[in-house]
Amino acid sequence: MSRVCDICGKGPLTANRISRRGKPKREGGVGSRVVKRSRRRQYPNLQTVKTVVNGRPVTRRVCAKCLKAGKAQRT
């Protein structure tokens, strides 16, 4: 089962996790430096919802944005 919205097709994104070292200048230090960047995944907020498709109930995975917009009619 993939982590993709059944309505809009929204899926996972990739981003950087940034590790910093040192005390920031605004706190009286010499400044924070970036030590390492590693890749991470950001997943959509998927909810399992029962909807009616062609007259029969179907369980679908829908993102919270589509659910809030009313694109997935609940049963």
C-alpha atoms as a PDB file:
ATOM      1  CA  MET A   1       0.000   0.000   0.000  1.00  0.00           C
ATOM      2  CA  SER A   2       1.660   3.226  -1.160  1.00  0.00           C
ATOM      3  CA  ARG A   3       1.574   6.484   0.758  1.00  0.00           C
ATOM      4  CA  VAL A   4      -0.312   8.386  -1.938  1.00  0.00           C
ATOM      5  CA  CYS A   5      -3.674  10.180  -1.755  1.00  0.00           C
ATOM      6  CA  ASP A   6      -6.297   8.378  -3.842  1.00  0.00           C
ATOM      7  CA  ILE A   7      -7.927  11.663  -4.909  1.00  0.00           C
ATOM      8  CA  CYS A   8      -5.202  14.236  -5.640  1.00  0.00           C
ATOM      9  CA  GLY A   9      -2.159  11.941  -5.902  1.00  0.00           C
ATOM     10  CA  LYS A  10      -0.139  13.757  -3.239  1.00  0.00           C
ATOM     11  CA  GLY A  11       2.824  11.627  -2.196  1.00  0.00           C
ATOM     12  CA  PRO A  12       6.021  11.770  -0.129  1.00  0.00           C
ATOM     13  CA  LEU A  13       8.534  14.600  -0.531  1.00  0.00           C
ATOM     14  CA  THR A  14      12.239  14.665   0.233  1.00  0.00           C
ATOM     15  CA  ALA A  15      13.877  17.323   2.390  1.00  0.00           C
ATOM     16  CA  ASN A  16      17.091  17.910   4.318  1.00  0.00           C
ATOM     17  CA  ARG A  17      17.601  17.314   8.033  1.00  0.00           C
ATOM     18  CA  ILE A  18      20.194  19.905   9.051  1.00  0.00           C
ATOM     19  CA  SER A  19      22.509  19.308  12.031  1.00  0.00           C
ATOM     20  CA  ARG A  20      23.959  22.446  13.588  1.00  0.00           C
ATOM     21  CA  ARG A  21      26.719  22.908  16.130  1.00  0.00           C
ATOM     22  CA  GLY A  22      27.639  25.902  18.282  1.00  0.00           C
ATOM     23  CA  LYS A  23      25.824  28.627  20.194  1.00  0.00           C
ATOM     24  CA  PRO A  24      23.931  31.181  18.062  1.00  0.00           C
ATOM     25  CA  LYS A  25      25.185  34.774  17.986  1.00  0.00           C
ATOM     26  CA  ARG A  26      21.874  36.067  19.310  1.00  0.00           C
ATOM     27  CA  GLU A  27      22.497  34.021  22.456  1.00  0.00           C
ATOM     28  CA  GLY A  28      26.027  35.345  22.925  1.00  0.00           C
ATOM     29  CA  GLY A  29      27.968  32.687  21.033  1.00  0.00           C
ATOM     30  CA  VAL A  30      30.291  32.823  18.065  1.00  0.00           C
ATOM     31  CA  GLY A  31      27.626  31.527  15.678  1.00  0.00           C
ATOM     32  CA  SER A  32      26.133  28.172  14.778  1.00  0.00           C
ATOM     33  CA  ARG A  33      27.546  26.200  11.885  1.00  0.00           C
ATOM     34  CA  VAL A  34      25.981  23.543   9.689  1.00  0.00           C
ATOM     35  CA  VAL A  35      27.742  20.257  10.381  1.00  0.00           C
ATOM     36  CA  LYS A  36      25.818  17.772   8.276  1.00  0.00           C
ATOM     37  CA  ARG A  37      22.852  17.491   5.916  1.00  0.00           C
ATOM     38  CA  SER A  38      21.053  14.177   5.579  1.00  0.00           C
ATOM     39  CA  ARG A  39      18.035  13.360   3.471  1.00  0.00           C
ATOM     40  CA  ARG A  40      14.646  12.657   5.027  1.00  0.00           C
ATOM     41  CA  ARG A  41      11.099  11.999   3.821  1.00  0.00           C
ATOM     42  CA  GLN A  42       7.994  14.076   4.501  1.00  0.00           C
ATOM     43  CA  TYR A  43       4.823  12.009   4.230  1.00  0.00           C
ATOM     44  CA  PRO A  44       1.317  13.380   3.558  1.00  0.00           C
ATOM     45  CA  ASN A  45      -1.304  13.273   6.316  1.00  0.00           C
ATOM     46  CA  LEU A  46      -3.323  10.315   4.980  1.00  0.00           C
ATOM     47  CA  GLN A  47      -6.568   9.231   6.613  1.00  0.00           C
ATOM     48  CA  THR A  48      -8.537   6.055   5.899  1.00  0.00           C
ATOM     49  CA  VAL A  49     -12.108   6.977   4.889  1.00  0.00           C
ATOM     50  CA  LYS A  50     -15.076   4.955   3.682  1.00  0.00           C
ATOM     51  CA  THR A  51     -16.620   6.542   0.589  1.00  0.00           C
ATOM     52  CA  VAL A  52     -19.306   5.548  -1.902  1.00  0.00           C
ATOM     53  CA  VAL A  53     -18.044   4.850  -5.431  1.00  0.00           C
ATOM     54  CA  ASN A  54     -20.553   3.657  -8.038  1.00  0.00           C
ATOM     55  CA  GLY A  55     -23.084   2.845  -5.333  1.00  0.00           C
ATOM     56  CA  ARG A  56     -20.877   0.646  -3.164  1.00  0.00           C
ATOM     57  CA  PRO A  57     -18.752   1.535  -0.125  1.00  0.00           C
ATOM     58  CA  VAL A  58     -14.997   1.630  -0.714  1.00  0.00           C
ATOM     59  CA  THR A  59     -12.173   2.290   1.755  1.00  0.00           C
ATOM     60  CA  ARG A  60      -9.801   4.950   0.409  1.00  0.00           C
ATOM     61  CA  ARG A  61      -6.670   6.680   1.682  1.00  0.00           C
ATOM     62  CA  VAL A  62      -7.259  10.420   1.449  1.00  0.00           C
ATOM     63  CA  CYS A  63      -5.022  13.318   2.487  1.00  0.00           C
ATOM     64  CA  ALA A  64      -6.342  15.702   5.138  1.00  0.00           C
ATOM     65  CA  LYS A  65      -6.483  18.597   2.647  1.00  0.00           C
ATOM     66  CA  CYS A  66      -8.892  16.716   0.331  1.00  0.00           C
ATOM     67  CA  LEU A  67     -10.902  15.520   3.319  1.00  0.00           C
ATOM     68  CA  LYS A  68     -11.265  19.078   4.640  1.00  0.00           C
ATOM     69  CA  ALA A  69     -12.201  20.394   1.191  1.00  0.00           C
ATOM     70  CA  GLY A  70     -14.986  17.801   0.960  1.00  0.00           C
ATOM     71  CA  LYS A  71     -13.606  15.992  -2.079  1.00  0.00           C
ATOM     72  CA  ALA A  72     -14.108  12.638  -0.323  1.00  0.00           C
ATOM     73  CA  GLN A  73     -17.784  12.152   0.547  1.00  0.00           C
ATOM     74  CA  ARG A  74     -18.005   9.986   3.657  1.00  0.00           C
ATOM     75  CA  THR A  75     -20.618   7.297   4.164  1.00  0.00           C
END
